[in-house]
Amino acid sequence: MASDDQIKQHFRPDEFAFIAQVEDWLRRVSLDSREVLTPFLNPREQYILSSLVARQKDLQLAFNGGIVSAEGRRAIIAPDYFDLSQADFEISLLGIDYPQKFNHLRQADILGAVLAAGLDRKKLGDILSDVNESQWQLLVDQQLVSFITQNVDHIGNSKVNWLALALDLAYDKLDAGQEEFVLLASLRIDLVVAAIFGLSRQVVKTMINQGLVRINWATCQKADSVIDIGDIISVRHYGRLRLLTVTGRSKKDKIKATFNVIKR
């Protein structure tokens, strides 16, 4: 098995805490011969987990976010002889009933209301909507259903009721984005965002300083932050992108990268 230093050299320092958590999960599965169910993981965390599990023998890894196109997904790590089912992921779907004639909910409003109740973001999956963004649903850890329905009765100025729904009634992602291939001098976030959205790097740096750019839902602090496979970058007013693949360099020594991009 690779040493900690050999493993960590492939990842960013801010990811070391998550790597330590994964290593603990792997020890528990190996020593106790039982499955471990993770909280909801973002795509970068899913990539890291997959990379580390692939180093192990006799283990299986499965992901589920409630819908096929989910970004946030729970994982089960288990001995390879275990049989896993959808129910093992313990994901529930909640619909939001509110007076649509007088109010308009947004994704940020819903997330803010639930987090304000004291819940951990890792216990929440994707927030889904219909094509008009008037009907909303929330994928959650099933253990939180009672807490949410009893303690979150307002979102913004709107009184809400929560409806327990079957997972097969979930809205799928309406805009899965498009793949874009680009050649880049580096994977610095300012350069990547500038290339994808057709902005100058100075404009992007200003946006970063203003807190308008996020990496994996955390505000980006530095224009020279380097992104990696699985990272989701959100740029307010412009859209979102996720690094899918890096396939080497061009003859002019440019990085060949493919992104999934949703432009606003």
C-alpha atoms as a PDB file:
ATOM      1  CA  MET A   1       0.000   0.000   0.000  1.00  0.00           C
ATOM      2  CA  ALA A   2       1.295   3.466  -0.849  1.00  0.00           C
ATOM      3  CA  SER A   3       2.508   5.662   2.011  1.00  0.00           C
ATOM      4  CA  ASP A   4       0.586   8.756   3.077  1.00  0.00           C
ATOM      5  CA  ASP A   5       3.209  11.006   1.457  1.00  0.00           C
ATOM      6  CA  GLN A   6       2.974   9.124  -1.846  1.00  0.00           C
ATOM      7  CA  ILE A   7      -0.795   9.476  -1.831  1.00  0.00           C
ATOM      8  CA  LYS A   8      -0.901  13.126  -0.795  1.00  0.00           C
ATOM      9  CA  GLN A   9       1.506  14.268  -3.503  1.00  0.00           C
ATOM     10  CA  HIS A  10      -1.315  13.766  -6.001  1.00  0.00           C
ATOM     11  CA  PHE A  11      -3.742  16.040  -4.157  1.00  0.00           C
ATOM     12  CA  ARG A  12      -3.998  19.578  -2.801  1.00  0.00           C
ATOM     13  CA  PRO A  13      -3.179  20.402   0.833  1.00  0.00           C
ATOM     14  CA  ASP A  14      -6.772  21.513   1.453  1.00  0.00           C
ATOM     15  CA  GLU A  15      -7.866  17.977   0.512  1.00  0.00           C
ATOM     16  CA  PHE A  16      -5.688  16.185   3.075  1.00  0.00           C
ATOM     17  CA  ALA A  17      -8.428  16.214   5.730  1.00  0.00           C
ATOM     18  CA  PHE A  18     -10.831  14.491   3.351  1.00  0.00           C
ATOM     19  CA  ILE A  19      -8.141  11.971   2.404  1.00  0.00           C
ATOM     20  CA  ALA A  20      -7.697  11.167   6.112  1.00  0.00           C
ATOM     21  CA  GLN A  21     -11.453  10.635   6.381  1.00  0.00           C
ATOM     22  CA  VAL A  22     -11.411   8.270   3.397  1.00  0.00           C
ATOM     23  CA  GLU A  23      -8.519   6.313   4.895  1.00  0.00           C
ATOM     24  CA  ASP A  24     -10.531   5.928   8.105  1.00  0.00           C
ATOM     25  CA  TRP A  25     -13.532   4.638   6.133  1.00  0.00           C
ATOM     26  CA  LEU A  26     -11.305   2.127   4.355  1.00  0.00           C
ATOM     27  CA  ARG A  27      -9.853   0.873   7.623  1.00  0.00           C
ATOM     28  CA  ARG A  28     -13.335   0.383   9.057  1.00  0.00           C
ATOM     29  CA  VAL A  29     -14.484  -1.598   6.032  1.00  0.00           C
ATOM     30  CA  SER A  30     -11.367  -3.780   5.985  1.00  0.00           C
ATOM     31  CA  LEU A  31     -11.162  -4.435   9.728  1.00  0.00           C
ATOM     32  CA  ASP A  32     -14.878  -4.876  10.455  1.00  0.00           C
ATOM     33  CA  SER A  33     -15.953  -6.431   7.130  1.00  0.00           C
ATOM     34  CA  ARG A  34     -18.920  -4.109   6.919  1.00  0.00           C
ATOM     35  CA  GLU A  35     -20.123  -1.376   4.623  1.00  0.00           C
ATOM     36  CA  VAL A  36     -19.620   2.351   5.179  1.00  0.00           C
ATOM     37  CA  LEU A  37     -22.187   4.861   3.915  1.00  0.00           C
ATOM     38  CA  THR A  38     -20.744   8.324   3.313  1.00  0.00           C
ATOM     39  CA  PRO A  39     -22.506  11.686   3.433  1.00  0.00           C
ATOM     40  CA  PHE A  40     -23.239  13.435   0.131  1.00  0.00           C
ATOM     41  CA  LEU A  41     -19.965  14.113  -1.683  1.00  0.00           C
ATOM     42  CA  ASN A  42     -19.245  16.694  -4.359  1.00  0.00           C
ATOM     43  CA  PRO A  43     -17.734  15.479  -7.663  1.00  0.00           C
ATOM     44  CA  ARG A  44     -14.166  16.242  -6.619  1.00  0.00           C
ATOM     45  CA  GLU A  45     -14.597  14.232  -3.430  1.00  0.00           C
ATOM     46  CA  GLN A  46     -16.128  11.404  -5.449  1.00  0.00           C
ATOM     47  CA  TYR A  47     -13.051  11.416  -7.681  1.00  0.00           C
ATOM     48  CA  ILE A  48     -10.673  11.321  -4.702  1.00  0.00           C
ATOM     49  CA  LEU A  49     -12.648   8.523  -3.068  1.00  0.00           C
ATOM     50  CA  SER A  50     -12.657   6.503  -6.303  1.00  0.00           C
ATOM     51  CA  SER A  51      -8.900   6.984  -6.665  1.00  0.00           C
ATOM     52  CA  LEU A  52      -8.170   5.736  -3.150  1.00  0.00           C
ATOM     53  CA  VAL A  53     -10.572   2.797  -3.249  1.00  0.00           C
ATOM     54  CA  ALA A  54      -9.000   1.675  -6.535  1.00  0.00           C
ATOM     55  CA  ARG A  55      -5.751   1.071  -4.618  1.00  0.00           C
ATOM     56  CA  GLN A  56      -7.480  -1.506  -2.408  1.00  0.00           C
ATOM     57  CA  LYS A  57      -8.241  -5.167  -3.059  1.00  0.00           C
ATOM     58  CA  ASP A  58     -11.533  -6.947  -2.463  1.00  0.00           C
ATOM     59  CA  LEU A  59     -13.558  -3.750  -2.025  1.00  0.00           C
ATOM     60  CA  GLN A  60     -16.412  -2.306  -4.047  1.00  0.00           C
ATOM     61  CA  LEU A  61     -17.543   1.303  -4.378  1.00  0.00           C
ATOM     62  CA  ALA A  62     -20.997   2.490  -5.453  1.00  0.00           C
ATOM     63  CA  PHE A  63     -22.445   5.991  -5.776  1.00  0.00           C
ATOM     64  CA  ASN A  64     -26.041   7.202  -5.681  1.00  0.00           C
ATOM     65  CA  GLY A  65     -27.492  10.693  -5.489  1.00  0.00           C
ATOM     66  CA  GLY A  66     -31.172   9.874  -5.862  1.00  0.00           C
ATOM     67  CA  ILE A  67     -31.200  10.692  -9.578  1.00  0.00           C
ATOM     68  CA  VAL A  68     -28.846   9.639 -12.366  1.00  0.00           C
ATOM     69  CA  SER A  69     -27.554  13.155 -13.043  1.00  0.00           C
ATOM     70  CA  ALA A  70     -27.029  14.158  -9.385  1.00  0.00           C
ATOM     71  CA  GLU A  71     -23.920  16.164  -8.567  1.00  0.00           C
ATOM     72  CA  GLY A  72     -23.986  15.412  -4.856  1.00  0.00           C
ATOM     73  CA  ARG A  73     -23.867  11.644  -4.343  1.00  0.00           C
ATOM     74  CA  ARG A  74     -23.500   9.329  -1.382  1.00  0.00           C
ATOM     75  CA  ALA A  75     -21.084   6.440  -1.626  1.00  0.00           C
ATOM     76  CA  ILE A  76     -21.038   2.969  -0.144  1.00  0.00           C
ATOM     77  CA  ILE A  77     -17.692   1.273   0.395  1.00  0.00           C
ATOM     78  CA  ALA A  78     -18.094  -2.424   1.109  1.00  0.00           C
ATOM     79  CA  PRO A  79     -16.444  -5.830   0.789  1.00  0.00           C
ATOM     80  CA  ASP A  80     -16.822  -6.993  -2.807  1.00  0.00           C
ATOM     81  CA  TYR A  81     -19.163  -9.865  -1.858  1.00  0.00           C
ATOM     82  CA  PHE A  82     -21.853  -7.537  -0.425  1.00  0.00           C
ATOM     83  CA  ASP A  83     -25.084  -7.062  -2.385  1.00  0.00           C
ATOM     84  CA  LEU A  84     -26.104  -3.401  -2.482  1.00  0.00           C
ATOM     85  CA  SER A  85     -29.453  -1.832  -3.291  1.00  0.00           C
ATOM     86  CA  GLN A  86     -30.911   1.653  -3.769  1.00  0.00           C
ATOM     87  CA  ALA A  87     -32.377   1.552  -0.252  1.00  0.00           C
ATOM     88  CA  ASP A  88     -28.914   1.124   1.253  1.00  0.00           C
ATOM     89  CA  PHE A  89     -28.061   4.726   0.334  1.00  0.00           C
ATOM     90  CA  GLU A  90     -30.780   6.078   2.659  1.00  0.00           C
ATOM     91  CA  ILE A  91     -31.803   8.975   0.413  1.00  0.00           C
ATOM     92  CA  SER A  92     -35.230  10.602   0.667  1.00  0.00           C
ATOM     93  CA  LEU A  93     -36.992  13.101  -1.581  1.00  0.00           C
ATOM     94  CA  LEU A  94     -38.914  16.050  -0.149  1.00  0.00           C
ATOM     95  CA  GLY A  95     -41.219  18.257  -2.200  1.00  0.00           C
ATOM     96  CA  ILE A  96     -41.896  21.868  -1.211  1.00  0.00           C
ATOM     97  CA  ASP A  97     -45.506  23.073  -1.135  1.00  0.00           C
ATOM     98  CA  TYR A  98     -45.845  26.854  -0.950  1.00  0.00           C
ATOM     99  CA  PRO A  99     -48.151  29.638  -2.273  1.00  0.00           C
ATOM    100  CA  GLN A 100     -46.671  30.047  -5.738  1.00  0.00           C
ATOM    101  CA  LYS A 101     -49.104  32.837  -6.660  1.00  0.00           C
ATOM    102  CA  PHE A 102     -47.477  35.200  -4.175  1.00  0.00           C
ATOM    103  CA  ASN A 103     -43.910  33.940  -3.906  1.00  0.00           C
ATOM    104  CA  HIS A 104     -41.038  32.757  -6.049  1.00  0.00           C
ATOM    105  CA  LEU A 105     -38.447  30.486  -4.460  1.00  0.00           C
ATOM    106  CA  ARG A 106     -34.832  30.217  -5.545  1.00  0.00           C
ATOM    107  CA  GLN A 107     -32.316  27.476  -4.955  1.00  0.00           C
ATOM    108  CA  ALA A 108     -30.233  29.759  -2.734  1.00  0.00           C
ATOM    109  CA  ASP A 109     -33.300  30.552  -0.587  1.00  0.00           C
ATOM    110  CA  ILE A 110     -34.028  26.867  -0.040  1.00  0.00           C
ATOM    111  CA  LEU A 111     -30.459  25.967   0.822  1.00  0.00           C
ATOM    112  CA  GLY A 112     -30.139  28.963   3.127  1.00  0.00           C
ATOM    113  CA  ALA A 113     -33.307  28.120   5.044  1.00  0.00           C
ATOM    114  CA  VAL A 114     -32.294  24.514   5.613  1.00  0.00           C
ATOM    115  CA  LEU A 115     -28.736  25.360   6.655  1.00  0.00           C
ATOM    116  CA  ALA A 116     -30.046  28.077   8.984  1.00  0.00           C
ATOM    117  CA  ALA A 117     -31.852  25.323  10.876  1.00  0.00           C
ATOM    118  CA  GLY A 118     -28.436  23.968  11.819  1.00  0.00           C
ATOM    119  CA  LEU A 119     -28.071  21.141   9.308  1.00  0.00           C
ATOM    120  CA  ASP A 120     -24.792  19.993   7.798  1.00  0.00           C
ATOM    121  CA  ARG A 121     -24.500  20.635   4.040  1.00  0.00           C
ATOM    122  CA  LYS A 122     -23.093  17.118   3.665  1.00  0.00           C
ATOM    123  CA  LYS A 123     -26.475  15.711   4.696  1.00  0.00           C
ATOM    124  CA  LEU A 124     -28.165  17.452   1.760  1.00  0.00           C
ATOM    125  CA  GLY A 125     -28.111  16.322  -1.846  1.00  0.00           C
ATOM    126  CA  ASP A 126     -29.178  18.193  -4.957  1.00  0.00           C
ATOM    127  CA  ILE A 127     -31.955  20.779  -5.045  1.00  0.00           C
ATOM    128  CA  LEU A 128     -34.225  20.098  -8.025  1.00  0.00           C
ATOM    129  CA  SER A 129     -36.828  22.120  -9.903  1.00  0.00           C
ATOM    130  CA  ASP A 130     -39.256  21.831 -12.762  1.00  0.00           C
ATOM    131  CA  VAL A 131     -38.657  23.670 -16.039  1.00  0.00           C
ATOM    132  CA  ASN A 132     -40.300  26.875 -14.717  1.00  0.00           C
ATOM    133  CA  GLU A 133     -38.427  26.805 -11.412  1.00  0.00           C
ATOM    134  CA  SER A 134     -41.755  27.034  -9.609  1.00  0.00           C
ATOM    135  CA  GLN A 135     -41.851  23.502  -8.189  1.00  0.00           C
ATOM    136  CA  TRP A 136     -38.945  22.480  -5.966  1.00  0.00           C
ATOM    137  CA  GLN A 137     -37.612  19.286  -4.424  1.00  0.00           C
ATOM    138  CA  LEU A 138     -34.761  18.430  -2.082  1.00  0.00           C
ATOM    139  CA  LEU A 139     -32.772  15.194  -1.837  1.00  0.00           C
ATOM    140  CA  VAL A 140     -31.665  14.502   1.733  1.00  0.00           C
ATOM    141  CA  ASP A 141     -30.308  11.923   4.133  1.00  0.00           C
ATOM    142  CA  GLN A 142     -33.466  10.053   5.140  1.00  0.00           C
ATOM    143  CA  GLN A 143     -32.633  10.505   8.830  1.00  0.00           C
ATOM    144  CA  LEU A 144     -33.255  14.252   8.435  1.00  0.00           C
ATOM    145  CA  VAL A 145     -36.759  14.043   7.043  1.00  0.00           C
ATOM    146  CA  SER A 146     -38.553  14.451  10.379  1.00  0.00           C
ATOM    147  CA  PHE A 147     -36.256  17.276  11.485  1.00  0.00           C
ATOM    148  CA  ILE A 148     -36.725  19.278   8.289  1.00  0.00           C
ATOM    149  CA  THR A 149     -40.481  18.815   8.124  1.00  0.00           C
ATOM    150  CA  GLN A 150     -40.881  19.858  11.757  1.00  0.00           C
ATOM    151  CA  ASN A 151     -38.368  22.700  11.975  1.00  0.00           C
ATOM    152  CA  VAL A 152     -38.202  24.401   8.573  1.00  0.00           C
ATOM    153  CA  ASP A 153     -41.615  25.985   8.008  1.00  0.00           C
ATOM    154  CA  HIS A 154     -40.540  29.147   6.165  1.00  0.00           C
ATOM    155  CA  ILE A 155     -38.285  29.795   3.197  1.00  0.00           C
ATOM    156  CA  GLY A 156     -37.719  33.496   2.846  1.00  0.00           C
ATOM    157  CA  ASN A 157     -41.103  35.134   3.439  1.00  0.00           C
ATOM    158  CA  SER A 158     -43.035  32.103   2.273  1.00  0.00           C
ATOM    159  CA  LYS A 159     -44.626  29.539   4.572  1.00  0.00           C
ATOM    160  CA  VAL A 160     -43.897  26.038   3.294  1.00  0.00           C
ATOM    161  CA  ASN A 161     -45.032  22.478   3.813  1.00  0.00           C
ATOM    162  CA  TRP A 162     -42.832  19.511   3.042  1.00  0.00           C
ATOM    163  CA  LEU A 163     -44.115  16.498   1.120  1.00  0.00           C
ATOM    164  CA  ALA A 164     -42.465  13.077   1.339  1.00  0.00           C
ATOM    165  CA  LEU A 165     -42.189  11.789  -2.247  1.00  0.00           C
ATOM    166  CA  ALA A 166     -41.028   8.579  -3.888  1.00  0.00           C
ATOM    167  CA  LEU A 167     -37.621   8.898  -5.539  1.00  0.00           C
ATOM    168  CA  ASP A 168     -39.049   8.043  -8.941  1.00  0.00           C
ATOM    169  CA  LEU A 169     -40.974  11.349  -8.798  1.00  0.00           C
ATOM    170  CA  ALA A 170     -37.763  13.385  -8.649  1.00  0.00           C
ATOM    171  CA  TYR A 171     -37.153  16.012 -11.303  1.00  0.00           C
ATOM    172  CA  ASP A 172     -34.054  15.210 -13.304  1.00  0.00           C
ATOM    173  CA  LYS A 173     -31.473  17.858 -14.036  1.00  0.00           C
ATOM    174  CA  LEU A 174     -32.908  20.115 -16.724  1.00  0.00           C
ATOM    175  CA  ASP A 175     -29.611  21.445 -18.009  1.00  0.00           C
ATOM    176  CA  ALA A 176     -26.753  18.984 -17.937  1.00  0.00           C
ATOM    177  CA  GLY A 177     -24.500  21.439 -19.763  1.00  0.00           C
ATOM    178  CA  GLN A 178     -22.253  20.921 -22.754  1.00  0.00           C
ATOM    179  CA  GLU A 179     -18.757  19.547 -23.065  1.00  0.00           C
ATOM    180  CA  GLU A 180     -16.086  22.001 -24.165  1.00  0.00           C
ATOM    181  CA  PHE A 181     -12.493  21.142 -25.111  1.00  0.00           C
ATOM    182  CA  VAL A 182      -9.912  23.857 -24.460  1.00  0.00           C
ATOM    183  CA  LEU A 183      -6.141  24.272 -24.570  1.00  0.00           C
ATOM    184  CA  LEU A 184      -4.737  26.025 -21.523  1.00  0.00           C
ATOM    185  CA  ALA A 185      -1.334  27.239 -20.404  1.00  0.00           C
ATOM    186  CA  SER A 186      -2.205  26.094 -16.875  1.00  0.00           C
ATOM    187  CA  LEU A 187      -5.169  25.086 -14.715  1.00  0.00           C
ATOM    188  CA  ARG A 188      -5.117  28.271 -12.640  1.00  0.00           C
ATOM    189  CA  ILE A 189      -8.672  29.240 -11.899  1.00  0.00           C
ATOM    190  CA  ASP A 190      -8.357  32.774 -13.278  1.00  0.00           C
ATOM    191  CA  LEU A 191      -7.068  31.447 -16.592  1.00  0.00           C
ATOM    192  CA  VAL A 192      -9.698  28.691 -16.804  1.00  0.00           C
ATOM    193  CA  VAL A 193     -12.651  30.974 -16.054  1.00  0.00           C
ATOM    194  CA  ALA A 194     -11.348  33.595 -18.492  1.00  0.00           C
ATOM    195  CA  ALA A 195     -11.022  31.014 -21.281  1.00  0.00           C
ATOM    196  CA  ILE A 196     -14.422  29.372 -20.759  1.00  0.00           C
ATOM    197  CA  PHE A 197     -16.479  32.547 -20.381  1.00  0.00           C
ATOM    198  CA  GLY A 198     -14.502  34.820 -22.719  1.00  0.00           C
ATOM    199  CA  LEU A 199     -13.337  37.243 -20.018  1.00  0.00           C
ATOM    200  CA  SER A 200     -10.019  38.925 -19.367  1.00  0.00           C
ATOM    201  CA  ARG A 201      -7.933  37.531 -16.531  1.00  0.00           C
ATOM    202  CA  GLN A 202      -8.006  40.929 -14.824  1.00  0.00           C
ATOM    203  CA  VAL A 203     -11.813  40.862 -14.799  1.00  0.00           C
ATOM    204  CA  VAL A 204     -11.746  37.349 -13.359  1.00  0.00           C
ATOM    205  CA  LYS A 205      -9.274  38.386 -10.649  1.00  0.00           C
ATOM    206  CA  THR A 206     -11.568  41.252  -9.690  1.00  0.00           C
ATOM    207  CA  MET A 207     -14.510  38.840  -9.496  1.00  0.00           C
ATOM    208  CA  ILE A 208     -12.490  36.514  -7.273  1.00  0.00           C
ATOM    209  CA  ASN A 209     -11.610  39.434  -4.987  1.00  0.00           C
ATOM    210  CA  GLN A 210     -15.318  40.251  -4.793  1.00  0.00           C
ATOM    211  CA  GLY A 211     -16.193  36.700  -3.747  1.00  0.00           C
ATOM    212  CA  LEU A 212     -18.071  35.895  -6.961  1.00  0.00           C
ATOM    213  CA  VAL A 213     -16.185  32.685  -7.773  1.00  0.00           C
ATOM    214  CA  ARG A 214     -16.528  29.412  -5.884  1.00  0.00           C
ATOM    215  CA  ILE A 215     -14.712  26.078  -6.033  1.00  0.00           C
ATOM    216  CA  ASN A 216     -16.811  23.148  -4.838  1.00  0.00           C
ATOM    217  CA  TRP A 217     -19.222  25.585  -3.148  1.00  0.00           C
ATOM    218  CA  ALA A 218     -16.459  27.311  -1.162  1.00  0.00           C
ATOM    219  CA  THR A 219     -15.508  30.906  -2.005  1.00  0.00           C
ATOM    220  CA  CYS A 220     -12.270  31.008  -3.971  1.00  0.00           C
ATOM    221  CA  GLN A 221      -9.644  33.044  -2.135  1.00  0.00           C
ATOM    222  CA  LYS A 222      -6.792  33.128  -4.651  1.00  0.00           C
ATOM    223  CA  ALA A 223      -6.628  33.801  -8.384  1.00  0.00           C
ATOM    224  CA  ASP A 224      -3.717  31.381  -8.707  1.00  0.00           C
ATOM    225  CA  SER A 225      -5.625  28.436  -7.200  1.00  0.00           C
ATOM    226  CA  VAL A 226      -5.111  25.372  -9.381  1.00  0.00           C
ATOM    227  CA  ILE A 227      -8.154  23.226 -10.133  1.00  0.00           C
ATOM    228  CA  ASP A 228      -8.238  19.497 -10.667  1.00  0.00           C
ATOM    229  CA  ILE A 229     -10.472  16.780 -12.096  1.00  0.00           C
ATOM    230  CA  GLY A 230     -13.961  16.817 -10.586  1.00  0.00           C
ATOM    231  CA  ASP A 231     -13.786  20.391  -9.293  1.00  0.00           C
ATOM    232  CA  ILE A 232     -16.935  22.466  -9.812  1.00  0.00           C
ATOM    233  CA  ILE A 233     -16.388  26.185 -10.391  1.00  0.00           C
ATOM    234  CA  SER A 234     -19.360  28.524 -10.017  1.00  0.00           C
ATOM    235  CA  VAL A 235     -19.112  32.054 -11.422  1.00  0.00           C
ATOM    236  CA  ARG A 236     -21.949  34.329 -10.406  1.00  0.00           C
ATOM    237  CA  HIS A 237     -23.916  35.704 -13.374  1.00  0.00           C
ATOM    238  CA  TYR A 238     -21.936  33.577 -15.849  1.00  0.00           C
ATOM    239  CA  GLY A 239     -22.489  29.926 -15.042  1.00  0.00           C
ATOM    240  CA  ARG A 240     -20.750  26.806 -13.843  1.00  0.00           C
ATOM    241  CA  LEU A 241     -18.100  24.447 -15.113  1.00  0.00           C
ATOM    242  CA  ARG A 242     -16.598  21.141 -14.045  1.00  0.00           C
ATOM    243  CA  LEU A 243     -13.241  19.762 -15.109  1.00  0.00           C
ATOM    244  CA  LEU A 244     -13.881  16.333 -16.623  1.00  0.00           C
ATOM    245  CA  THR A 245     -10.580  15.196 -18.108  1.00  0.00           C
ATOM    246  CA  VAL A 246      -6.970  16.191 -18.679  1.00  0.00           C
ATOM    247  CA  THR A 247      -5.451  14.242 -21.563  1.00  0.00           C
ATOM    248  CA  GLY A 248      -1.872  15.428 -21.787  1.00  0.00           C
ATOM    249  CA  ARG A 249      -0.340  18.344 -23.664  1.00  0.00           C
ATOM    250  CA  SER A 250      -0.430  19.673 -27.197  1.00  0.00           C
ATOM    251  CA  LYS A 251       2.597  20.132 -29.435  1.00  0.00           C
ATOM    252  CA  LYS A 252       2.761  23.713 -28.165  1.00  0.00           C
ATOM    253  CA  ASP A 253       2.804  22.432 -24.574  1.00  0.00           C
ATOM    254  CA  LYS A 254      -0.783  23.459 -23.807  1.00  0.00           C
ATOM    255  CA  ILE A 255      -2.853  21.395 -21.391  1.00  0.00           C
ATOM    256  CA  LYS A 256      -5.655  19.528 -23.170  1.00  0.00           C
ATOM    257  CA  ALA A 257      -8.723  19.710 -20.933  1.00  0.00           C
ATOM    258  CA  THR A 258     -12.418  18.929 -21.256  1.00  0.00           C
ATOM    259  CA  PHE A 259     -15.046  20.731 -19.187  1.00  0.00           C
ATOM    260  CA  ASN A 260     -18.764  20.375 -18.654  1.00  0.00           C
ATOM    261  CA  VAL A 261     -20.090  23.944 -18.932  1.00  0.00           C
ATOM    262  CA  ILE A 262     -23.435  25.520 -18.083  1.00  0.00           C
ATOM    263  CA  LYS A 263     -23.578  29.126 -19.244  1.00  0.00           C
ATOM    264  CA  ARG A 264     -26.204  31.523 -17.874  1.00  0.00           C
END
